[in-house]
């Protein structure tokens, strides 16, 4: 996966960098998550293979079902984004 593809998928989800990092399971301070995702998108840091696979699986899930899963709920339910992220 190229940095451009990574960025395009995040944008297709309608998410900011921090929200996307949260979805991928990153923890810690919001600024650190934002910077990590930025580094993947600019090619400053290689995208780890496991992160690439999770992004692809989420992309395929969304194309099949029309929504992202809410992984934080622990059940199969649509992810509800805050109103400011909904197009």
PDB file of N, CA and C in Angstrom:
ATOM      1  N   UNK A   1       0.857  -1.170   0.000  1.00  0.00           N
ATOM      2  CA  UNK A   1       0.000   0.000   0.000  1.00  0.00           C
ATOM      3  C   UNK A   1       0.902   1.232   0.000  1.00  0.00           C
ATOM      4  N   UNK A   2       0.593   2.155  -0.873  1.00  0.00           N
ATOM      5  CA  UNK A   2       1.370   3.389  -0.941  1.00  0.00           C
ATOM      6  C   UNK A   2       0.835   4.402   0.068  1.00  0.00           C
ATOM      7  N   UNK A   3       1.640   5.375   0.429  1.00  0.00           N
ATOM      8  CA  UNK A   3       1.146   6.425   1.321  1.00  0.00           C
ATOM      9  C   UNK A   3      -0.092   7.134   0.761  1.00  0.00           C
ATOM     10  N   UNK A   4      -0.130   7.324  -0.568  1.00  0.00           N
ATOM     11  CA  UNK A   4      -1.279   7.978  -1.191  1.00  0.00           C
ATOM     12  C   UNK A   4      -2.543   7.137  -1.038  1.00  0.00           C
ATOM     13  N   UNK A   5      -2.430   5.827  -1.231  1.00  0.00           N
ATOM     14  CA  UNK A   5      -3.584   4.937  -1.060  1.00  0.00           C
ATOM     15  C   UNK A   5      -4.073   4.958   0.390  1.00  0.00           C
ATOM     16  N   UNK A   6      -3.137   4.940   1.318  1.00  0.00           N
ATOM     17  CA  UNK A   6      -3.470   5.000   2.743  1.00  0.00           C
ATOM     18  C   UNK A   6      -4.270   6.268   3.039  1.00  0.00           C
ATOM     19  N   UNK A   7      -3.784   7.390   2.527  1.00  0.00           N
ATOM     20  CA  UNK A   7      -4.447   8.675   2.734  1.00  0.00           C
ATOM     21  C   UNK A   7      -5.828   8.703   2.083  1.00  0.00           C
ATOM     22  N   UNK A   8      -5.931   8.172   0.867  1.00  0.00           N
ATOM     23  CA  UNK A   8      -7.214   8.156   0.152  1.00  0.00           C
ATOM     24  C   UNK A   8      -8.256   7.335   0.902  1.00  0.00           C
ATOM     25  N   UNK A   9      -7.841   6.201   1.460  1.00  0.00           N
ATOM     26  CA  UNK A   9      -8.782   5.371   2.216  1.00  0.00           C
ATOM     27  C   UNK A   9      -9.263   6.116   3.449  1.00  0.00           C
ATOM     28  N   UNK A  10      -8.339   6.759   4.160  1.00  0.00           N
ATOM     29  CA  UNK A  10      -8.749   7.533   5.348  1.00  0.00           C
ATOM     30  C   UNK A  10      -9.756   8.598   4.959  1.00  0.00           C
ATOM     31  N   UNK A  11      -9.479   9.329   3.886  1.00  0.00           N
ATOM     32  CA  UNK A  11     -10.383  10.388   3.439  1.00  0.00           C
ATOM     33  C   UNK A  11     -11.723   9.826   2.974  1.00  0.00           C
ATOM     34  N   UNK A  12     -11.708   8.645   2.362  1.00  0.00           N
ATOM     35  CA  UNK A  12     -12.974   8.037   1.924  1.00  0.00           C
ATOM     36  C   UNK A  12     -13.851   7.655   3.111  1.00  0.00           C
ATOM     37  N   UNK A  13     -13.225   7.411   4.263  1.00  0.00           N
ATOM     38  CA  UNK A  13     -13.969   7.124   5.488  1.00  0.00           C
ATOM     39  C   UNK A  13     -14.512   8.401   6.122  1.00  0.00           C
ATOM     40  N   UNK A  14     -14.054   9.554   5.639  1.00  0.00           N
ATOM     41  CA  UNK A  14     -14.489  10.830   6.203  1.00  0.00           C
ATOM     42  C   UNK A  14     -13.912  11.086   7.584  1.00  0.00           C
ATOM     43  N   UNK A  15     -12.705  10.606   7.813  1.00  0.00           N
ATOM     44  CA  UNK A  15     -12.102  10.721   9.142  1.00  0.00           C
ATOM     45  C   UNK A  15     -10.858  11.583   9.110  1.00  0.00           C
ATOM     46  N   UNK A  16     -10.621  12.249  10.234  1.00  0.00           N
ATOM     47  CA  UNK A  16      -9.370  12.947  10.437  1.00  0.00           C
ATOM     48  C   UNK A  16      -8.302  11.945  10.836  1.00  0.00           C
ATOM     49  N   UNK A  17      -7.079  12.414  10.916  1.00  0.00           N
ATOM     50  CA  UNK A  17      -5.971  11.505  11.230  1.00  0.00           C
ATOM     51  C   UNK A  17      -6.100  10.869  12.608  1.00  0.00           C
ATOM     52  N   UNK A  18      -6.490  11.642  13.601  1.00  0.00           N
ATOM     53  CA  UNK A  18      -6.604  11.094  14.954  1.00  0.00           C
ATOM     54  C   UNK A  18      -7.717  10.051  15.033  1.00  0.00           C
ATOM     55  N   UNK A  19      -8.865  10.362  14.425  1.00  0.00           N
ATOM     56  CA  UNK A  19      -9.992   9.427  14.447  1.00  0.00           C
ATOM     57  C   UNK A  19      -9.635   8.125  13.724  1.00  0.00           C
ATOM     58  N   UNK A  20      -8.905   8.261  12.622  1.00  0.00           N
ATOM     59  CA  UNK A  20      -8.491   7.082  11.876  1.00  0.00           C
ATOM     60  C   UNK A  20      -7.526   6.240  12.711  1.00  0.00           C
ATOM     61  N   UNK A  21      -6.593   6.892  13.382  1.00  0.00           N
ATOM     62  CA  UNK A  21      -5.672   6.181  14.260  1.00  0.00           C
ATOM     63  C   UNK A  21      -6.400   5.465  15.385  1.00  0.00           C
ATOM     64  N   UNK A  22      -7.422   6.118  15.939  1.00  0.00           N
ATOM     65  CA  UNK A  22      -8.238   5.475  16.977  1.00  0.00           C
ATOM     66  C   UNK A  22      -8.908   4.220  16.427  1.00  0.00           C
ATOM     67  N   UNK A  23      -9.463   4.322  15.212  1.00  0.00           N
ATOM     68  CA  UNK A  23     -10.116   3.175  14.587  1.00  0.00           C
ATOM     69  C   UNK A  23      -9.138   2.022  14.386  1.00  0.00           C
ATOM     70  N   UNK A  24      -7.895   2.349  14.058  1.00  0.00           N
ATOM     71  CA  UNK A  24      -6.882   1.319  13.840  1.00  0.00           C
ATOM     72  C   UNK A  24      -6.335   0.729  15.139  1.00  0.00           C
ATOM     73  N   UNK A  25      -6.724   1.311  16.267  1.00  0.00           N
ATOM     74  CA  UNK A  25      -6.316   0.756  17.554  1.00  0.00           C
ATOM     75  C   UNK A  25      -5.140   1.437  18.207  1.00  0.00           C
ATOM     76  N   UNK A  26      -4.700   2.569  17.653  1.00  0.00           N
ATOM     77  CA  UNK A  26      -3.609   3.295  18.287  1.00  0.00           C
ATOM     78  C   UNK A  26      -4.099   3.920  19.589  1.00  0.00           C
ATOM     79  N   UNK A  27      -3.224   3.920  20.588  1.00  0.00           N
ATOM     80  CA  UNK A  27      -3.558   4.513  21.885  1.00  0.00           C
ATOM     81  C   UNK A  27      -2.502   5.546  22.238  1.00  0.00           C
ATOM     82  N   UNK A  28      -2.801   6.338  23.214  1.00  0.00           N
ATOM     83  CA  UNK A  28      -1.864   7.367  23.651  1.00  0.00           C
ATOM     84  C   UNK A  28      -2.438   8.745  23.406  1.00  0.00           C
ATOM     85  N   UNK A  29      -1.563   9.722  23.417  1.00  0.00           N
ATOM     86  CA  UNK A  29      -1.985  11.098  23.231  1.00  0.00           C
ATOM     87  C   UNK A  29      -2.438  11.324  21.792  1.00  0.00           C
ATOM     88  N   UNK A  30      -3.491  12.117  21.635  1.00  0.00           N
ATOM     89  CA  UNK A  30      -4.053  12.395  20.323  1.00  0.00           C
ATOM     90  C   UNK A  30      -3.047  12.958  19.342  1.00  0.00           C
ATOM     91  N   UNK A  31      -2.185  13.832  19.820  1.00  0.00           N
ATOM     92  CA  UNK A  31      -1.181  14.441  18.930  1.00  0.00           C
ATOM     93  C   UNK A  31      -0.211  13.394  18.389  1.00  0.00           C
ATOM     94  N   UNK A  32       0.177  12.444  19.229  1.00  0.00           N
ATOM     95  CA  UNK A  32       1.090  11.386  18.780  1.00  0.00           C
ATOM     96  C   UNK A  32       0.430  10.490  17.735  1.00  0.00           C
ATOM     97  N   UNK A  33      -0.849  10.195  17.928  1.00  0.00           N
ATOM     98  CA  UNK A  33      -1.590   9.393  16.946  1.00  0.00           C
ATOM     99  C   UNK A  33      -1.657  10.150  15.626  1.00  0.00           C
ATOM    100  N   UNK A  34      -1.990  11.439  15.680  1.00  0.00           N
ATOM    101  CA  UNK A  34      -2.092  12.275  14.483  1.00  0.00           C
ATOM    102  C   UNK A  34      -0.766  12.282  13.717  1.00  0.00           C
ATOM    103  N   UNK A  35       0.338  12.451  14.439  1.00  0.00           N
ATOM    104  CA  UNK A  35       1.652  12.502  13.802  1.00  0.00           C
ATOM    105  C   UNK A  35       2.014  11.154  13.171  1.00  0.00           C
ATOM    106  N   UNK A  36       1.686  10.058  13.839  1.00  0.00           N
ATOM    107  CA  UNK A  36       1.977   8.733  13.289  1.00  0.00           C
ATOM    108  C   UNK A  36       1.247   8.522  11.970  1.00  0.00           C
ATOM    109  N   UNK A  37      -0.035   8.845  11.916  1.00  0.00           N
ATOM    110  CA  UNK A  37      -0.812   8.685  10.684  1.00  0.00           C
ATOM    111  C   UNK A  37      -0.264   9.607   9.599  1.00  0.00           C
ATOM    112  N   UNK A  38       0.114  10.826   9.971  1.00  0.00           N
ATOM    113  CA  UNK A  38       0.697  11.770   9.005  1.00  0.00           C
ATOM    114  C   UNK A  38       1.977  11.194   8.409  1.00  0.00           C
ATOM    115  N   UNK A  39       2.803  10.587   9.234  1.00  0.00           N
ATOM    116  CA  UNK A  39       4.061  10.005   8.752  1.00  0.00           C
ATOM    117  C   UNK A  39       3.810   8.862   7.771  1.00  0.00           C
ATOM    118  N   UNK A  40       2.768   8.068   8.009  1.00  0.00           N
ATOM    119  CA  UNK A  40       2.418   7.015   7.058  1.00  0.00           C
ATOM    120  C   UNK A  40       1.963   7.631   5.733  1.00  0.00           C
ATOM    121  N   UNK A  41       1.168   8.695   5.819  1.00  0.00           N
ATOM    122  CA  UNK A  41       0.604   9.312   4.610  1.00  0.00           C
ATOM    123  C   UNK A  41       1.637  10.072   3.783  1.00  0.00           C
ATOM    124  N   UNK A  42       2.666  10.568   4.407  1.00  0.00           N
ATOM    125  CA  UNK A  42       3.692  11.317   3.680  1.00  0.00           C
ATOM    126  C   UNK A  42       4.852  10.430   3.243  1.00  0.00           C
ATOM    127  N   UNK A  43       4.869   9.180   3.696  1.00  0.00           N
ATOM    128  CA  UNK A  43       5.955   8.275   3.343  1.00  0.00           C
ATOM    129  C   UNK A  43       7.177   8.439   4.219  1.00  0.00           C
ATOM    130  N   UNK A  44       7.037   9.265   5.246  1.00  0.00           N
ATOM    131  CA  UNK A  44       8.147   9.479   6.177  1.00  0.00           C
ATOM    132  C   UNK A  44       8.451   8.202   6.965  1.00  0.00           C
ATOM    133  N   UNK A  45       7.423   7.377   7.142  1.00  0.00           N
ATOM    134  CA  UNK A  45       7.575   6.104   7.851  1.00  0.00           C
ATOM    135  C   UNK A  45       6.826   5.035   7.054  1.00  0.00           C
ATOM    136  N   UNK A  46       7.398   3.844   6.958  1.00  0.00           N
ATOM    137  CA  UNK A  46       6.725   2.742   6.258  1.00  0.00           C
ATOM    138  C   UNK A  46       5.464   2.342   7.014  1.00  0.00           C
ATOM    139  N   UNK A  47       4.439   1.968   6.269  1.00  0.00           N
ATOM    140  CA  UNK A  47       3.200   1.490   6.872  1.00  0.00           C
ATOM    141  C   UNK A  47       3.433   0.040   7.287  1.00  0.00           C
ATOM    142  N   UNK A  48       3.275  -0.279   8.585  1.00  0.00           N
ATOM    143  CA  UNK A  48       3.488  -1.660   9.023  1.00  0.00           C
ATOM    144  C   UNK A  48       2.519  -2.612   8.310  1.00  0.00           C
ATOM    145  N   UNK A  49       2.971  -3.823   7.994  1.00  0.00           N
ATOM    146  CA  UNK A  49       2.108  -4.783   7.292  1.00  0.00           C
ATOM    147  C   UNK A  49       0.783  -5.047   8.001  1.00  0.00           C
ATOM    148  N   UNK A  50       0.792  -5.123   9.330  1.00  0.00           N
ATOM    149  CA  UNK A  50      -0.462  -5.375  10.054  1.00  0.00           C
ATOM    150  C   UNK A  50      -1.425  -4.203   9.920  1.00  0.00           C
ATOM    151  N   UNK A  51      -0.915  -2.974   9.940  1.00  0.00           N
ATOM    152  CA  UNK A  51      -1.761  -1.797   9.778  1.00  0.00           C
ATOM    153  C   UNK A  51      -2.336  -1.790   8.367  1.00  0.00           C
ATOM    154  N   UNK A  52      -1.506  -2.113   7.387  1.00  0.00           N
ATOM    155  CA  UNK A  52      -1.972  -2.175   5.999  1.00  0.00           C
ATOM    156  C   UNK A  52      -3.118  -3.172   5.849  1.00  0.00           C
ATOM    157  N   UNK A  53      -2.981  -4.336   6.464  1.00  0.00           N
ATOM    158  CA  UNK A  53      -4.037  -5.357   6.382  1.00  0.00           C
ATOM    159  C   UNK A  53      -5.326  -4.905   7.045  1.00  0.00           C
ATOM    160  N   UNK A  54      -5.210  -4.268   8.196  1.00  0.00           N
ATOM    161  CA  UNK A  54      -6.413  -3.785   8.881  1.00  0.00           C
ATOM    162  C   UNK A  54      -7.110  -2.728   8.027  1.00  0.00           C
ATOM    163  N   UNK A  55      -6.337  -1.823   7.432  1.00  0.00           N
ATOM    164  CA  UNK A  55      -6.916  -0.786   6.582  1.00  0.00           C
ATOM    165  C   UNK A  55      -7.631  -1.417   5.387  1.00  0.00           C
ATOM    166  N   UNK A  56      -6.999  -2.408   4.751  1.00  0.00           N
ATOM    167  CA  UNK A  56      -7.638  -3.090   3.624  1.00  0.00           C
ATOM    168  C   UNK A  56      -8.921  -3.804   4.050  1.00  0.00           C
ATOM    169  N   UNK A  57      -8.875  -4.487   5.185  1.00  0.00           N
ATOM    170  CA  UNK A  57     -10.072  -5.182   5.671  1.00  0.00           C
ATOM    171  C   UNK A  57     -11.204  -4.199   5.971  1.00  0.00           C
ATOM    172  N   UNK A  58     -10.877  -3.067   6.594  1.00  0.00           N
ATOM    173  CA  UNK A  58     -11.901  -2.057   6.863  1.00  0.00           C
ATOM    174  C   UNK A  58     -12.457  -1.478   5.568  1.00  0.00           C
ATOM    175  N   UNK A  59     -11.597  -1.274   4.600  1.00  0.00           N
ATOM    176  CA  UNK A  59     -12.033  -0.757   3.302  1.00  0.00           C
ATOM    177  C   UNK A  59     -12.984  -1.739   2.618  1.00  0.00           C
ATOM    178  N   UNK A  60     -12.634  -3.013   2.644  1.00  0.00           N
ATOM    179  CA  UNK A  60     -13.491  -4.036   2.046  1.00  0.00           C
ATOM    180  C   UNK A  60     -14.807  -4.156   2.804  1.00  0.00           C
ATOM    181  N   UNK A  61     -14.743  -4.095   4.127  1.00  0.00           N
ATOM    182  CA  UNK A  61     -15.958  -4.172   4.944  1.00  0.00           C
ATOM    183  C   UNK A  61     -16.907  -3.039   4.572  1.00  0.00           C
ATOM    184  N   UNK A  62     -16.346  -1.821   4.463  1.00  0.00           N
ATOM    185  CA  UNK A  62     -17.195  -0.670   4.135  1.00  0.00           C
ATOM    186  C   UNK A  62     -17.782  -0.808   2.735  1.00  0.00           C
ATOM    187  N   UNK A  63     -17.015  -1.300   1.783  1.00  0.00           N
ATOM    188  CA  UNK A  63     -17.548  -1.445   0.431  1.00  0.00           C
ATOM    189  C   UNK A  63     -18.631  -2.522   0.374  1.00  0.00           C
ATOM    190  N   UNK A  64     -18.535  -3.556   1.207  1.00  0.00           N
ATOM    191  CA  UNK A  64     -19.546  -4.619   1.231  1.00  0.00           C
ATOM    192  C   UNK A  64     -20.814  -4.222   1.982  1.00  0.00           C
ATOM    193  N   UNK A  65     -20.649  -3.543   3.118  1.00  0.00           N
ATOM    194  CA  UNK A  65     -21.797  -3.278   3.989  1.00  0.00           C
ATOM    195  C   UNK A  65     -22.241  -1.817   4.010  1.00  0.00           C
ATOM    196  N   UNK A  66     -21.408  -0.917   3.488  1.00  0.00           N
ATOM    197  CA  UNK A  66     -21.793   0.491   3.430  1.00  0.00           C
ATOM    198  C   UNK A  66     -21.512   1.285   4.687  1.00  0.00           C
ATOM    199  N   UNK A  67     -20.901   0.667   5.667  1.00  0.00           N
ATOM    200  CA  UNK A  67     -20.561   1.372   6.905  1.00  0.00           C
ATOM    201  C   UNK A  67     -19.328   0.733   7.516  1.00  0.00           C
ATOM    202  N   UNK A  68     -18.697   1.474   8.412  1.00  0.00           N
ATOM    203  CA  UNK A  68     -17.560   0.937   9.164  1.00  0.00           C
ATOM    204  C   UNK A  68     -18.069   0.301  10.446  1.00  0.00           C
ATOM    205  N   UNK A  69     -17.438  -0.777  10.904  1.00  0.00           N
ATOM    206  CA  UNK A  69     -17.874  -1.396  12.153  1.00  0.00           C
ATOM    207  C   UNK A  69     -17.454  -0.546  13.350  1.00  0.00           C
ATOM    208  N   UNK A  70     -18.259  -0.599  14.392  1.00  0.00           N
ATOM    209  CA  UNK A  70     -17.911   0.078  15.637  1.00  0.00           C
ATOM    210  C   UNK A  70     -17.156  -0.928  16.494  1.00  0.00           C
ATOM    211  N   UNK A  71     -15.850  -0.954  16.320  1.00  0.00           N
ATOM    212  CA  UNK A  71     -15.030  -1.949  17.000  1.00  0.00           C
ATOM    213  C   UNK A  71     -14.991  -1.745  18.507  1.00  0.00           C
ATOM    214  N   UNK A  72     -15.228  -0.539  18.968  1.00  0.00           N
ATOM    215  CA  UNK A  72     -15.187  -0.247  20.388  1.00  0.00           C
ATOM    216  C   UNK A  72     -16.369  -0.819  21.162  1.00  0.00           C
ATOM    217  N   UNK A  73     -17.470  -1.100  20.495  1.00  0.00           N
ATOM    218  CA  UNK A  73     -18.656  -1.628  21.176  1.00  0.00           C
ATOM    219  C   UNK A  73     -18.576  -3.120  21.430  1.00  0.00           C
ATOM    220  N   UNK A  74     -17.696  -3.804  20.701  1.00  0.00           N
ATOM    221  CA  UNK A  74     -17.565  -5.239  20.910  1.00  0.00           C
ATOM    222  C   UNK A  74     -18.688  -6.046  20.293  1.00  0.00           C
ATOM    223  N   UNK A  75     -19.451  -5.439  19.400  1.00  0.00           N
ATOM    224  CA  UNK A  75     -20.522  -6.145  18.699  1.00  0.00           C
ATOM    225  C   UNK A  75     -20.594  -5.622  17.280  1.00  0.00           C
ATOM    226  N   UNK A  76     -21.280  -6.317  16.436  1.00  0.00           N
ATOM    227  CA  UNK A  76     -21.369  -5.915  15.035  1.00  0.00           C
ATOM    228  C   UNK A  76     -22.433  -4.832  14.894  1.00  0.00           C
ATOM    229  N   UNK A  77     -21.970  -3.601  14.803  1.00  0.00           N
ATOM    230  CA  UNK A  77     -22.866  -2.458  14.674  1.00  0.00           C
ATOM    231  C   UNK A  77     -22.152  -1.381  13.865  1.00  0.00           C
ATOM    232  N   UNK A  78     -22.925  -0.535  13.177  1.00  0.00           N
ATOM    233  CA  UNK A  78     -22.288   0.540  12.410  1.00  0.00           C
ATOM    234  C   UNK A  78     -21.583   1.542  13.312  1.00  0.00           C
ATOM    235  N   UNK A  79     -20.470   2.062  12.816  1.00  0.00           N
ATOM    236  CA  UNK A  79     -19.747   3.115  13.510  1.00  0.00           C
ATOM    237  C   UNK A  79     -20.484   4.420  13.285  1.00  0.00           C
ATOM    238  N   UNK A  80     -20.827   5.110  14.345  1.00  0.00           N
ATOM    239  CA  UNK A  80     -21.512   6.385  14.235  1.00  0.00           C
ATOM    240  C   UNK A  80     -20.495   7.498  14.461  1.00  0.00           C
ATOM    241  N   UNK A  81     -20.223   8.252  13.386  1.00  0.00           N
ATOM    242  CA  UNK A  81     -19.278   9.347  13.468  1.00  0.00           C
ATOM    243  C   UNK A  81     -19.951  10.586  14.032  1.00  0.00           C
ATOM    244  N   UNK A  82     -19.191  11.458  14.693  1.00  0.00           N
ATOM    245  CA  UNK A  82     -19.755  12.731  15.124  1.00  0.00           C
ATOM    246  C   UNK A  82     -20.267  13.515  13.920  1.00  0.00           C
ATOM    247  N   UNK A  83     -21.250  14.353  14.137  1.00  0.00           N
ATOM    248  CA  UNK A  83     -21.901  15.100  13.054  1.00  0.00           C
ATOM    249  C   UNK A  83     -20.931  15.882  12.192  1.00  0.00           C
ATOM    250  N   UNK A  84     -19.862  16.409  12.775  1.00  0.00           N
ATOM    251  CA  UNK A  84     -18.916  17.233  12.000  1.00  0.00           C
ATOM    252  C   UNK A  84     -18.131  16.410  10.974  1.00  0.00           C
ATOM    253  N   UNK A  85     -18.147  15.069  11.076  1.00  0.00           N
ATOM    254  CA  UNK A  85     -17.426  14.233  10.121  1.00  0.00           C
ATOM    255  C   UNK A  85     -18.339  13.637   9.059  1.00  0.00           C
ATOM    256  N   UNK A  86     -19.625  13.826   9.185  1.00  0.00           N
ATOM    257  CA  UNK A  86     -20.567  13.279   8.232  1.00  0.00           C
ATOM    258  C   UNK A  86     -20.751  14.247   7.076  1.00  0.00           C
ATOM    259  N   UNK A  87     -20.600  13.719   5.846  1.00  0.00           N
ATOM    260  CA  UNK A  87     -20.733  14.576   4.673  1.00  0.00           C
ATOM    261  C   UNK A  87     -22.180  14.809   4.324  1.00  0.00           C
TER     262      UNK A  87
END
